[in-house]
Protein backbone atom coordinates (compact mmCIF):
# COMPACT_ATOMS: atom_id res chain seq x y z
CA MET A 1 60.21 36.97 13.40
CA THR A 2 60.45 33.77 11.33
CA ALA A 3 59.80 31.70 14.44
CA LEU A 4 56.70 33.77 15.27
CA VAL A 5 55.30 33.26 11.76
CA LEU A 6 55.86 29.51 11.96
CA GLU A 7 54.21 29.40 15.39
CA ARG A 8 51.12 31.19 14.10
CA ALA A 9 50.97 28.93 11.06
CA GLY A 10 51.12 25.93 13.35
CA ASP A 11 48.29 27.34 15.49
CA ALA A 12 46.16 27.81 12.37
CA THR A 13 46.80 24.22 11.36
CA VAL A 14 45.80 23.00 14.79
CA TYR A 15 42.65 25.13 14.77
CA GLU A 16 41.75 23.86 11.32
CA SER A 17 42.32 20.24 12.34
CA ILE A 18 39.93 20.79 15.26
CA ALA A 19 37.33 22.71 13.24
CA GLN A 20 37.03 20.20 10.40
CA PRO A 21 35.66 17.32 12.54
CA VAL A 22 33.30 19.77 14.24
CA ARG A 23 31.99 20.94 10.87
CA ARG A 24 31.62 17.37 9.66
CA ARG A 25 29.68 16.40 12.79
CA SER A 26 27.45 19.46 12.42
CA ARG A 27 26.83 18.61 8.80
CA ARG A 28 25.90 15.03 9.71
CA VAL A 29 23.49 16.29 12.38
CA ILE A 30 21.85 18.69 9.92
CA ASP A 31 21.59 15.99 7.24
CA GLY A 32 20.17 13.52 9.75
CA ALA A 33 17.60 16.03 10.97
CA TRP A 34 16.55 16.79 7.38
CA VAL A 35 16.27 13.10 6.48
CA CYS A 36 13.96 12.60 9.48
CA ALA A 37 12.03 15.85 9.03
CA TRP A 38 10.81 15.75 5.43
CA PRO A 39 9.36 12.18 5.51
CA ALA A 40 7.62 13.07 8.78
CA LEU A 41 6.27 16.22 7.13
CA LEU A 42 5.08 14.11 4.22
CA VAL A 43 3.21 11.77 6.59
CA ALA A 44 1.65 14.77 8.33
CA SER A 45 0.55 16.20 4.96
CA VAL A 46 -1.09 12.95 3.87
CA TYR A 47 -2.80 12.61 7.25
CA ALA A 48 -3.96 16.24 7.33
CA TRP A 49 -5.26 16.33 3.75
CA VAL A 50 -6.95 12.95 3.44
CA GLY A 51 -6.93 11.40 6.93
CA GLY A 52 -10.40 12.60 7.83
CA THR A 53 -11.93 12.21 4.39
CA GLY A 54 -14.41 9.51 3.55
CA LEU A 55 -15.64 6.23 4.98
CA SER A 56 -15.53 3.38 2.50
CA SER A 57 -18.51 1.26 3.41
CA PRO A 58 -18.58 -1.70 3.87
CA ASP A 59 -14.89 -2.72 3.79
CA ASP A 60 -13.55 0.19 5.86
CA GLY A 61 -13.10 -1.20 9.36
CA PHE A 62 -13.02 -4.85 8.24
CA ILE A 63 -9.44 -5.35 9.45
CA LEU A 64 -10.06 -3.32 12.62
CA ALA A 65 -13.02 -5.54 13.49
CA GLN A 66 -10.76 -8.59 13.21
CA SER A 67 -8.08 -6.86 15.30
CA ARG A 68 -10.66 -6.21 18.00
CA ARG A 69 -11.56 -9.90 17.98
CA ILE A 70 -7.90 -10.84 18.49
CA LEU A 71 -7.55 -8.39 21.36
CA ALA A 72 -10.61 -10.05 22.90
CA GLY A 73 -8.82 -13.42 22.77
CA GLN A 74 -10.32 -14.89 19.60
CA ILE A 75 -8.18 -17.13 17.40
CA PRO A 76 -8.03 -16.49 13.63
CA HIS A 77 -9.93 -19.05 11.54
CA ARG A 78 -11.16 -20.94 14.59
CA ASP A 79 -13.23 -18.10 16.05
CA PHE A 80 -13.65 -15.91 13.00
CA ILE A 81 -13.60 -16.63 9.28
CA SER A 82 -10.73 -15.41 7.13
CA PRO A 83 -9.82 -16.76 3.67
CA ARG A 84 -6.34 -15.26 4.03
CA PRO A 85 -3.82 -15.21 6.90
CA ALA A 86 -4.80 -12.76 9.63
CA GLY A 87 -1.43 -11.00 9.67
CA SER A 88 -3.03 -7.62 9.00
CA ALA A 89 -5.42 -8.05 11.91
CA LEU A 90 -2.47 -8.90 14.15
CA LEU A 91 -0.50 -5.89 12.90
CA HIS A 92 -3.32 -3.40 13.36
CA THR A 93 -3.89 -4.25 17.00
CA ILE A 94 -1.41 -1.40 17.50
CA ASP A 95 -4.06 1.00 16.16
CA PHE A 96 -6.03 0.47 19.37
CA LEU A 97 -3.03 1.54 21.49
CA ILE A 98 -2.60 4.97 19.90
CA PRO A 99 -4.24 7.74 22.00
CA LEU A 100 -6.45 9.01 19.18
CA PRO A 101 -9.98 8.18 18.02
CA LEU A 102 -9.72 4.72 16.49
CA LEU A 103 -10.40 5.78 12.89
CA GLN A 104 -7.85 8.59 13.12
CA ALA A 105 -5.25 6.30 14.73
CA SER A 106 -5.77 3.66 12.07
CA ARG A 107 -5.43 6.17 9.27
CA LEU A 108 -2.28 7.59 10.79
CA VAL A 109 -0.74 4.11 10.79
CA SER A 110 -1.87 3.56 7.20
CA ALA A 111 -0.44 6.94 6.15
CA ILE A 112 2.91 5.98 7.67
CA GLU A 113 2.83 2.67 5.78
CA VAL A 114 2.01 4.28 2.43
CA VAL A 115 4.76 6.90 2.81
CA ALA A 116 7.23 4.27 4.01
CA TYR A 117 6.71 1.83 1.15
CA THR A 118 6.69 4.62 -1.44
CA LEU A 119 10.00 6.03 -0.17
CA ALA A 120 11.42 2.51 0.04
CA PHE A 121 10.56 1.82 -3.61
CA ALA A 122 12.00 5.25 -4.49
CA ARG A 123 15.24 4.35 -2.68
CA LEU A 124 15.45 1.15 -4.72
CA THR A 125 14.77 3.16 -7.87
CA TYR A 126 17.39 5.85 -7.21
CA ARG A 127 19.90 3.38 -5.69
CA LYS A 128 20.96 5.92 -3.08
CA PRO A 129 20.02 6.67 0.57
CA LEU A 130 17.54 9.42 1.42
CA ARG A 131 20.24 11.81 2.62
CA SER A 132 21.69 11.88 -0.91
CA TRP A 133 18.47 12.65 -2.77
CA SER A 134 18.26 15.78 -4.87
CA THR A 135 15.38 18.23 -4.89
CA VAL A 136 14.00 16.63 -8.04
CA GLN A 137 14.13 13.17 -6.49
CA ILE A 138 12.42 14.32 -3.29
CA ALA A 139 9.67 16.03 -5.29
CA GLY A 140 9.16 12.89 -7.39
CA ALA A 141 8.92 10.63 -4.34
CA ALA A 142 6.47 12.99 -2.61
CA ALA A 143 4.22 13.06 -5.67
CA ALA A 144 4.42 9.26 -5.90
CA VAL A 145 2.97 8.99 -2.37
CA PHE A 146 -0.24 10.79 -3.36
CA VAL A 147 -0.52 8.93 -6.66
CA ASN A 148 -0.13 5.59 -4.88
CA LEU A 149 -2.94 6.51 -2.52
CA HIS A 150 -5.08 8.69 -4.82
CA SER A 151 -8.63 7.24 -4.71
CA PHE A 152 -7.91 4.21 -2.53
CA PRO A 153 -9.38 4.50 0.99
CA LEU A 154 -6.78 5.36 3.63
CA MET A 155 -7.58 2.45 5.91
CA ALA A 156 -6.11 -0.67 7.47
CA TRP A 157 -5.94 -3.07 4.53
CA HIS A 158 -4.09 -6.24 3.50
CA THR A 159 -2.54 -4.89 0.32
CA ILE A 160 -1.14 -1.77 2.01
CA ASP A 161 0.42 -3.93 4.73
CA GLY A 162 1.84 -6.34 2.16
CA LEU A 163 3.42 -3.56 0.09
CA PHE A 164 4.93 -2.10 3.27
CA PHE A 165 6.63 -5.37 4.19
CA VAL A 166 7.77 -6.02 0.60
CA ALA A 167 9.29 -2.56 0.08
CA VAL A 168 11.06 -2.33 3.45
CA GLY A 169 12.19 -5.94 3.15
CA LEU A 170 13.72 -5.37 -0.29
CA VAL A 171 15.58 -2.27 0.96
CA ALA A 172 16.98 -4.15 3.96
CA LEU A 173 17.90 -7.14 1.82
CA ARG A 174 19.69 -5.19 -0.89
CA ASP A 175 21.50 -3.03 1.64
CA GLY A 176 22.61 -6.15 3.50
CA LEU A 177 23.85 -7.80 0.32
CA GLU A 178 25.76 -4.72 -0.86
CA ARG A 179 27.40 -4.18 2.55
CA ASP A 180 27.83 -7.88 3.31
CA ARG A 181 25.76 -7.71 6.50
CA ARG A 182 24.16 -11.06 7.15
CA ARG A 183 21.77 -9.92 9.86
CA ARG A 184 20.34 -7.24 7.60
CA VAL A 185 19.89 -9.83 4.85
CA TRP A 186 18.02 -12.07 7.26
CA ALA A 187 15.88 -9.15 8.45
CA GLY A 188 14.94 -8.42 4.83
CA LEU A 189 13.97 -12.04 4.22
CA VAL A 190 11.86 -12.13 7.39
CA LEU A 191 10.03 -8.97 6.30
CA LEU A 192 9.36 -10.48 2.88
CA GLY A 193 7.99 -13.53 4.68
CA CYS A 194 5.71 -11.28 6.73
CA ALA A 195 4.14 -10.04 3.48
CA VAL A 196 2.80 -13.55 2.85
CA VAL A 197 1.24 -13.67 6.34
CA VAL A 198 -0.86 -10.58 5.61
CA LYS A 199 -1.99 -11.76 2.16
CA GLN A 200 -1.04 -14.91 0.26
CA SER A 201 -0.97 -13.03 -3.05
CA PHE A 202 2.48 -11.80 -1.94
CA ALA A 203 3.83 -15.35 -1.95
CA ALA A 204 6.26 -14.40 -4.72
CA ALA A 205 7.95 -11.76 -2.53
CA PRO A 206 10.17 -14.23 -0.57
CA ILE A 207 11.01 -15.95 -3.87
CA ILE A 208 12.23 -12.62 -5.25
CA GLY A 209 14.36 -12.13 -2.13
CA ILE A 210 15.85 -15.62 -2.35
CA ALA A 211 16.63 -15.03 -6.05
CA MET A 212 18.47 -11.82 -5.10
CA VAL A 213 20.55 -13.70 -2.53
CA TRP A 214 21.30 -16.44 -5.05
CA ALA A 215 22.37 -13.95 -7.72
CA HIS A 216 24.63 -12.11 -5.27
CA GLN A 217 26.41 -15.29 -4.18
CA ARG A 218 29.72 -15.52 -6.02
CA ASP A 219 30.82 -18.98 -4.95
CA SER A 220 28.67 -21.49 -6.84
CA THR A 221 29.50 -24.28 -4.37
CA ASP A 222 27.78 -22.39 -1.53
CA ARG A 223 24.74 -21.35 -3.52
CA SER A 224 22.63 -24.37 -2.60
CA MET A 225 23.20 -23.95 1.13
CA THR A 226 22.66 -20.20 0.86
CA VAL A 227 19.32 -20.71 -0.88
CA LEU A 228 18.25 -23.28 1.73
CA ARG A 229 19.17 -20.98 4.60
CA SER A 230 17.41 -18.06 2.92
CA PHE A 231 14.29 -20.14 2.39
CA GLY A 232 14.33 -21.18 6.06
CA VAL A 233 14.66 -17.57 7.25
CA ALA A 234 11.91 -16.28 4.90
CA ALA A 235 9.59 -19.07 6.09
CA ILE A 236 9.84 -18.07 9.77
CA PRO A 237 6.79 -15.72 9.84
CA GLY A 238 4.55 -18.17 7.99
CA ALA A 239 5.70 -21.11 10.12
CA ALA A 240 5.16 -19.14 13.33
CA TYR A 241 1.63 -18.21 12.22
CA CYS A 242 0.73 -21.80 11.34
CA VAL A 243 2.12 -23.09 14.65
CA MET A 244 0.13 -20.49 16.60
CA VAL A 245 -3.13 -21.32 14.86
CA THR A 246 -2.49 -25.08 15.11
CA LEU A 247 -1.79 -24.99 18.84
CA ALA A 248 -5.00 -23.00 19.33
CA GLY A 249 -7.03 -25.61 17.46
CA GLY A 250 -7.68 -23.68 14.28
CA LEU A 251 -5.63 -25.66 11.74
CA GLY A 252 -8.57 -27.46 10.14
CA ALA A 253 -10.60 -24.27 9.81
CA MET A 254 -7.62 -22.38 8.37
CA VAL A 255 -6.97 -25.03 5.71
CA SER A 256 -10.67 -25.21 4.80
CA GLN A 257 -11.13 -21.45 4.52
CA MET A 258 -8.02 -20.92 2.42
CA ILE A 259 -8.52 -23.89 0.12
CA ASN A 260 -12.18 -23.06 -0.54
CA ALA A 261 -11.38 -19.40 -1.30
CA GLN A 262 -11.69 -18.45 -4.94
CA PRO A 263 -8.18 -18.34 -6.45
CA THR A 264 -6.96 -15.38 -8.46
CA PHE A 265 -3.83 -15.39 -10.60
CA GLY A 266 -4.26 -12.13 -12.48
CA SER A 267 -6.33 -13.37 -15.43
CA SER A 268 -8.78 -10.50 -14.92
CA LEU A 269 -5.87 -8.06 -15.02
CA ILE A 270 -4.76 -9.49 -18.37
CA THR A 271 -8.31 -9.03 -19.69
CA ILE A 272 -8.42 -5.44 -18.46
CA LEU A 273 -5.02 -4.66 -19.99
CA TRP A 274 -6.15 -6.16 -23.30
CA ARG A 275 -9.33 -4.10 -23.30
CA GLY A 276 -7.17 -1.02 -22.82
CA ARG A 277 -5.41 -1.69 -26.13
CA ALA A 278 -6.39 1.78 -27.38
CA ALA A 279 -3.17 3.02 -25.78
CA ALA A 280 -1.13 0.42 -27.68
CA PRO A 281 -0.33 2.62 -30.74
CA VAL A 282 1.09 5.32 -28.49
CA LEU A 283 3.15 2.82 -26.54
CA VAL A 284 4.41 1.06 -29.65
CA GLY A 285 5.25 4.38 -31.29
CA CYS A 286 7.24 5.57 -28.28
CA ALA A 287 8.98 2.23 -28.01
CA ALA A 288 9.91 2.24 -31.72
CA LEU A 289 11.24 5.80 -31.51
CA MET A 290 13.32 5.02 -28.45
CA CYS A 291 14.70 1.85 -30.02
CA TRP A 292 15.65 3.79 -33.16
CA VAL A 293 17.41 6.68 -31.45
CA ASP A 294 19.28 4.41 -29.03
CA ALA A 295 20.27 1.71 -31.49
CA ARG A 296 23.90 0.73 -31.08
CA GLY A 297 26.33 1.79 -33.74
CA GLY A 298 24.44 4.90 -34.78
CA ARG A 299 26.31 8.10 -35.52
CA GLU A 300 26.06 10.99 -33.07
CA GLY A 301 24.83 14.30 -34.32
CA PRO A 302 22.33 17.08 -33.68
CA ALA A 303 19.44 15.13 -35.24
CA ARG A 304 20.14 12.07 -33.12
CA THR A 305 20.42 14.16 -29.93
CA VAL A 306 17.12 15.92 -30.68
CA ALA A 307 15.47 12.55 -31.36
CA ARG A 308 16.75 11.13 -28.09
CA TRP A 309 15.43 14.08 -26.10
CA SER A 310 12.14 14.07 -27.99
CA ALA A 311 11.53 10.40 -27.22
CA ARG A 312 12.17 10.89 -23.52
CA VAL A 313 10.14 14.09 -23.31
CA GLY A 314 7.27 12.47 -25.22
CA LEU A 315 7.05 9.42 -22.95
CA SER A 316 7.49 11.57 -19.83
CA ALA A 317 4.62 13.77 -21.02
CA LEU A 318 2.52 10.65 -21.54
CA VAL A 319 3.20 9.57 -17.93
CA LEU A 320 2.36 13.04 -16.61
CA GLY A 321 -0.81 13.15 -18.66
CA VAL A 322 -1.95 9.81 -17.24
CA LEU A 323 -1.36 11.13 -13.72
CA LEU A 324 -3.23 14.39 -14.26
CA VAL A 325 -6.37 13.05 -15.95
CA THR A 326 -9.18 12.75 -13.40
CA GLY A 327 -12.35 10.70 -13.39
CA ASN A 328 -12.41 7.00 -14.19
CA ASN A 329 -8.69 6.89 -14.92
CA PRO A 330 -6.95 3.46 -14.90
CA ARG A 331 -3.60 4.95 -13.87
CA GLY A 332 -2.08 1.76 -12.55
CA ARG A 333 -2.90 -0.37 -15.59
CA THR A 334 -1.70 2.18 -18.14
CA LEU A 335 1.53 2.88 -16.27
CA LEU A 336 2.21 -0.84 -15.92
CA LEU A 337 2.03 -1.14 -19.72
CA VAL A 338 4.46 1.77 -20.12
CA LEU A 339 6.86 0.21 -17.58
CA VAL A 340 6.88 -3.04 -19.55
CA VAL A 341 7.77 -1.05 -22.69
CA VAL A 342 10.62 0.76 -20.92
CA VAL A 343 12.06 -2.48 -19.48
CA VAL A 344 11.94 -4.18 -22.87
CA TRP A 345 13.53 -1.10 -24.46
CA GLU A 346 16.44 -1.19 -22.03
CA ARG A 347 16.99 -4.88 -22.63
CA THR A 348 16.82 -4.78 -26.43
CA THR A 349 18.57 -1.51 -27.29
CA GLN A 350 21.13 -1.25 -24.51
CA ASN A 351 21.68 -4.96 -23.95
CA ARG A 352 21.18 -4.34 -20.24
CA ALA A 353 18.80 -6.13 -17.94
CA ASP A 354 16.85 -4.08 -15.43
CA PRO A 355 16.39 -6.31 -12.36
CA PHE A 356 14.49 -3.74 -10.30
CA GLY A 357 12.24 -2.89 -13.24
CA LEU A 358 11.29 -6.57 -13.39
CA VAL A 359 10.83 -6.62 -9.60
CA MET A 360 8.52 -3.60 -9.83
CA ILE A 361 6.44 -5.34 -12.48
CA GLY A 362 6.17 -8.33 -10.15
CA VAL A 363 5.20 -6.11 -7.21
CA ALA A 364 2.54 -4.41 -9.33
CA TRP A 365 1.17 -7.80 -10.34
CA MET A 366 1.03 -9.04 -6.72
CA SER A 367 -0.72 -5.87 -5.57
CA ALA A 368 -3.35 -6.29 -8.31
CA LEU A 369 -4.35 -9.82 -7.25
CA SER A 370 -7.75 -8.96 -5.87
CA TRP A 371 -11.33 -10.20 -6.09
CA GLY A 372 -12.72 -6.70 -6.32
CA TYR A 373 -10.28 -4.31 -8.03
CA PRO A 374 -7.60 -6.11 -10.06
CA THR A 375 -5.45 -3.08 -10.73
CA PRO A 376 -2.04 -1.99 -9.35
CA ARG A 377 -3.27 1.43 -8.32
CA LEU A 378 -1.59 1.30 -4.89
CA VAL A 379 1.81 1.37 -6.65
CA ALA A 380 0.86 3.56 -9.63
CA GLY A 381 3.03 6.42 -8.35
CA SER A 382 6.01 4.15 -7.75
CA ILE A 383 5.65 2.71 -11.26
CA ALA A 384 5.60 6.24 -12.71
CA LEU A 385 8.73 7.10 -10.73
CA VAL A 386 10.57 4.04 -12.07
CA ILE A 387 9.56 4.91 -15.65
CA VAL A 388 10.71 8.53 -15.49
CA HIS A 389 13.96 7.62 -13.73
CA ARG A 390 14.76 4.92 -16.29
CA LEU A 391 14.06 7.33 -19.15
CA TRP A 392 16.40 10.05 -17.94
CA ARG A 393 19.23 8.33 -16.09
CA ASP A 394 21.17 7.81 -19.35
CA ALA A 395 19.97 10.93 -21.15
CA PRO A 396 22.37 12.57 -23.63
CA LYS A 397 24.83 14.89 -21.93
CA LEU A 398 24.55 18.64 -22.41
CA SER A 399 27.29 21.17 -22.69
CA GLU A 400 28.37 22.96 -19.51
CA ARG A 401 26.48 26.13 -20.47
CA TRP A 402 23.26 24.30 -21.29
CA LEU A 403 23.67 22.05 -18.23
CA MET A 404 23.54 25.10 -15.94
CA ILE A 405 20.38 26.45 -17.59
CA GLY A 406 18.80 23.04 -18.13
CA GLY A 407 19.48 21.90 -14.57
CA ARG A 408 17.57 24.81 -13.06
CA LEU A 409 14.77 24.35 -15.57
CA VAL A 410 14.49 20.64 -14.74
CA VAL A 411 14.26 21.39 -11.01
CA ALA A 412 11.56 24.01 -11.57
CA LEU A 413 9.53 21.83 -13.94
CA SER A 414 9.82 18.81 -11.64
CA VAL A 415 8.57 20.74 -8.62
CA VAL A 416 5.69 22.26 -10.63
CA ALA A 417 4.72 18.87 -12.09
CA SER A 418 4.85 17.23 -8.66
CA ALA A 419 2.70 19.99 -7.14
CA ALA A 420 0.17 19.62 -9.97
CA VAL A 421 -0.01 15.84 -9.47
CA VAL A 422 -0.48 16.22 -5.70
CA THR A 423 -3.19 18.86 -6.12
CA THR A 424 -5.05 16.78 -8.71
CA THR A 425 -5.02 13.56 -6.69
CA VAL A 426 -6.07 15.25 -3.43
CA HIS A 427 -8.94 17.09 -5.16
CA GLU A 428 -10.07 13.87 -6.84
CA ARG A 429 -9.97 11.98 -3.57
CA VAL A 430 -11.98 14.56 -1.63
CA ALA A 431 -14.58 14.71 -4.41
CA LEU A 432 -14.87 10.92 -4.45
CA HIS A 433 -14.93 10.11 -0.74
CA ALA A 434 -16.74 13.11 0.73
CA VAL A 435 -19.66 14.17 -1.43
CA GLY A 436 -20.53 17.72 -0.46
CA SER A 437 -17.31 17.91 1.63
CA SER A 438 -19.28 18.83 4.76
CA ARG A 439 -18.21 17.51 8.12
CA ASP A 440 -20.95 15.73 10.07
CA ALA A 441 -20.61 17.40 13.46
CA THR A 442 -22.76 14.84 15.28
CA LEU A 443 -20.96 11.71 14.07
CA GLY A 444 -18.36 11.97 16.82
CA ARG A 445 -21.10 12.12 19.44
CA VAL A 446 -22.67 8.95 18.07
CA ALA A 447 -19.34 7.10 18.17
CA PRO A 448 -16.32 8.90 19.69
CA ASP A 449 -13.97 6.80 17.56
CA LEU A 450 -15.43 8.54 14.49
CA ARG A 451 -14.47 12.05 15.62
CA GLY A 452 -12.98 14.18 12.86
CA LEU A 453 -14.46 12.09 10.05
CA ARG A 454 -15.80 13.88 6.96
CA THR A 455 -18.03 11.71 4.82
CA ASP A 456 -21.11 11.79 2.61
CA ALA A 457 -24.62 12.20 3.98
CA ASN A 458 -25.70 8.66 3.11
CA THR A 459 -22.92 7.01 5.12
CA ALA A 460 -23.44 9.38 8.03
CA ALA A 461 -27.17 8.55 8.07
CA LEU A 462 -26.34 4.84 8.08
CA ILE A 463 -24.14 5.23 11.19
CA HIS A 464 -26.84 7.32 12.89
CA ASP A 465 -29.48 4.66 12.18
CA VAL A 466 -27.33 1.90 13.69
CA ALA A 467 -26.90 3.98 16.86
CA THR A 468 -30.64 4.79 17.01
CA CYS A 469 -31.68 1.16 16.59
CA ARG A 470 -29.12 0.02 19.12
CA ALA A 471 -30.53 2.49 21.68
CA ARG A 472 -34.08 1.32 20.94
CA TYR A 473 -33.23 -2.38 21.26
CA PRO A 474 -30.31 -2.66 23.72
CA GLU A 475 -29.71 -6.41 23.38
CA HIS A 476 -26.42 -8.14 24.20
CA TRP A 477 -25.72 -9.42 20.66
CA THR A 478 -25.86 -6.97 17.75
CA ALA A 479 -25.18 -7.67 14.07
CA VAL A 480 -25.52 -5.54 10.94
CA LEU A 481 -26.00 -7.59 7.76
CA PRO A 482 -24.24 -7.60 5.41
CA GLY A 483 -22.22 -4.67 6.80
CA PRO A 484 -20.58 -2.20 7.26
CA ALA A 485 -17.87 -3.75 9.43
CA ILE A 486 -16.78 -0.41 10.88
CA VAL A 487 -19.72 -0.32 13.31
CA TYR A 488 -18.33 -3.21 15.37
CA PRO A 489 -15.03 -1.65 16.50
CA VAL A 490 -16.23 1.97 16.78
CA MET A 491 -19.51 1.18 18.59
CA LYS A 492 -18.10 -1.74 20.61
CA LEU A 493 -20.82 -4.11 19.37
CA ALA A 494 -20.78 -7.80 20.32
CA ASN A 495 -21.12 -9.62 16.99
CA PRO A 496 -22.71 -13.08 17.36
CA PHE A 497 -21.41 -14.23 13.98
CA SER A 498 -17.90 -15.31 12.99
CA VAL A 499 -17.57 -12.71 10.23
CA ASP A 500 -17.97 -8.92 10.27
CA TRP A 501 -18.64 -8.47 6.57
CA VAL A 502 -21.00 -10.94 4.90
CA TYR A 503 -19.42 -10.88 1.46
CA PRO A 504 -19.69 -14.10 -0.61
CA LEU A 505 -16.09 -14.08 -1.84
CA GLU A 506 -14.93 -13.98 1.80
CA LEU A 507 -17.12 -16.95 2.72
CA HIS A 508 -16.52 -19.75 0.20
CA GLY A 509 -17.26 -22.97 2.06
CA SER A 510 -18.30 -21.15 5.26
CA ALA A 511 -21.93 -20.25 4.58
CA ASP A 512 -23.21 -23.30 6.48
CA ARG A 513 -21.25 -22.18 9.53
CA LEU A 514 -23.03 -18.81 9.53
CA VAL A 515 -26.42 -20.49 9.18
CA ALA A 516 -25.63 -22.73 12.16
CA GLU A 517 -24.56 -19.68 14.18
CA ALA A 518 -27.84 -17.95 13.34
CA ARG A 519 -29.75 -21.04 14.54
CA ALA A 520 -27.81 -21.06 17.83
CA LEU A 521 -28.35 -17.32 18.24
CA ASP A 522 -32.12 -17.74 17.93
CA ARG A 523 -32.12 -20.39 20.63
CA GLY A 524 -30.16 -18.15 23.01
CA GLY A 525 -32.07 -14.91 22.39
CA HIS A 526 -30.94 -11.44 23.53
CA TYR A 527 -30.04 -10.36 20.00
CA LEU A 528 -30.59 -7.51 17.55
CA VAL A 529 -29.94 -8.12 13.87
CA LEU A 530 -30.15 -5.10 11.56
CA VAL A 531 -30.60 -5.94 7.90
CA VAL A 532 -30.01 -3.56 5.01
CA PRO A 533 -32.88 -4.07 2.51
CA ASP A 534 -30.50 -3.94 -0.44
CA ALA A 535 -28.02 -6.67 0.52
CA GLY A 536 -26.70 -6.98 -3.04
CA VAL A 537 -24.60 -10.06 -3.81
CA ALA A 538 -24.84 -11.13 -0.15
CA ARG A 539 -28.62 -11.58 -0.36
CA PRO A 540 -28.64 -15.43 -0.74
CA ILE A 541 -26.44 -15.96 2.34
CA VAL A 542 -28.24 -13.29 4.37
CA ASP A 543 -31.63 -14.84 3.54
CA ARG A 544 -30.44 -18.25 4.75
CA MET A 545 -29.29 -16.71 8.02
CA LEU A 546 -32.51 -14.74 8.52
CA ALA A 547 -34.59 -17.86 7.93
CA GLU A 548 -33.20 -19.22 11.21
CA LEU A 549 -34.22 -16.14 13.23
CA ASN A 550 -37.71 -16.06 14.72
CA GLY A 551 -37.46 -12.74 16.56
CA THR A 552 -39.78 -9.77 16.17
CA ARG A 553 -39.36 -7.87 12.89
CA GLU A 554 -39.77 -4.11 12.83
CA HIS A 555 -38.58 -1.21 10.72
CA CYS A 556 -35.91 0.98 12.27
CA GLY A 557 -34.59 3.77 10.07
CA ARG A 558 -33.29 2.22 6.88
CA PHE A 559 -32.96 -1.20 8.52
CA VAL A 560 -35.24 -4.13 9.18
CA ALA A 561 -34.62 -4.87 12.86
CA ILE A 562 -34.99 -8.47 14.09
CA HIS A 563 -34.77 -8.66 17.86
CA ALA A 564 -35.46 -11.11 20.66
CA ARG A 565 -35.41 -10.42 24.38
């Protein structure tokens, strides 16, 4: 009898030893499927809710027009003008390979990029892989995606590409440093170098990566060589781009276009932040309260605990309020100010530096370096996530009883707040980019690559007029001045000029080239040039180009059509 009992106990041990690995493998499969499923669902939600909304004329399609030129064999700078590296145009050639209408394919790629860089910044904020995120952290990251995008057009654009490379590169780099994997470190540095190739305002990104490598190096004797190797690896994308353009004969044009471009170092952002000083009393008050309640050496007690929680709740409510206010709301600028306050608070009261907080401030600054909209709105959600996480990661501990109640309450409030933020941003976006929110059913018949697009009546009429004029005057060369650029890739137009969007800030030092091209076009004939009467800031350049054209002038819809057989 004793032997039988021992035998059965042994069988149970064997069965358990077999079942445990099976359960662990099943758990890993389930976790892996979940980690893949919810980001994919997030991409699908962004694409479904805002993918077909709006057409931002004239800059929507600007990158796609350049990508089409590259696919046709044109060389950046030599064959078309670009005051920045054409890395985005190279990247978005993949949009033409996706079996969807071009605008939908491009917006799917952009949605993937926005979700990817938002989740990458969230991973850096939480300092844990996606499979370990809690419900609250997932809800916060999902809301950050929609805040990052909110009113910005979902389109192929330099800044979106740059943020994608920066975020993914920083994740790969930090993971490689923490796990001592050299190839992953190099991959991160290469990705940070790619950010510079899409837009030179991200030039600080490789420097940040090299600084991270330098700080992680323990042996001071190897630091110099490590920094040199890191610099060489990060420079690979830029060097490869320069070599490609040089061998194709475009070096002189590239140097001229980039040097003559108007520089921007963020001075306009400083001015805008200063003008927003009305929020300063609130920020200073929150900062003072947080410094007081977290001062070292203070005595613990109910009053101190209440003050700590009040400070965190107050600043969190301020962040949520900024996210929920619609209209002309400078989310990115206000949240950047709050992030600066939080980083300074951590450094002064807790004597602890916040490297990623500083990195996020730098990323926000790089993303705001723009001629048109100097604001870090494409990372506003990520900034908000960093702020809230920094506020609560060292919150006062609750008793076990209150932790059970408070934990459930926090989860519920976080999900509700995230849903409110998502709903607000989506509603604001639809109202901004699709006046009347009525789908133009005939737009897809005019240009199949515009199928599924929902836009305002004015933009739809503009596209219709281009198609009508093109049918009336079917010449080989067709240009629309000063834009929109989207007509070239979606209507397959042959542009006789070396730029698809005649915008003065894109053309510093290149206006004479366009005038010469207009003169050559008039000699060759077979052209149709459609001119928008209200050319805005482009009027001086457009007038110089039109002065070289001697074709017949007629009215066609809202355009003045100049054509020559």
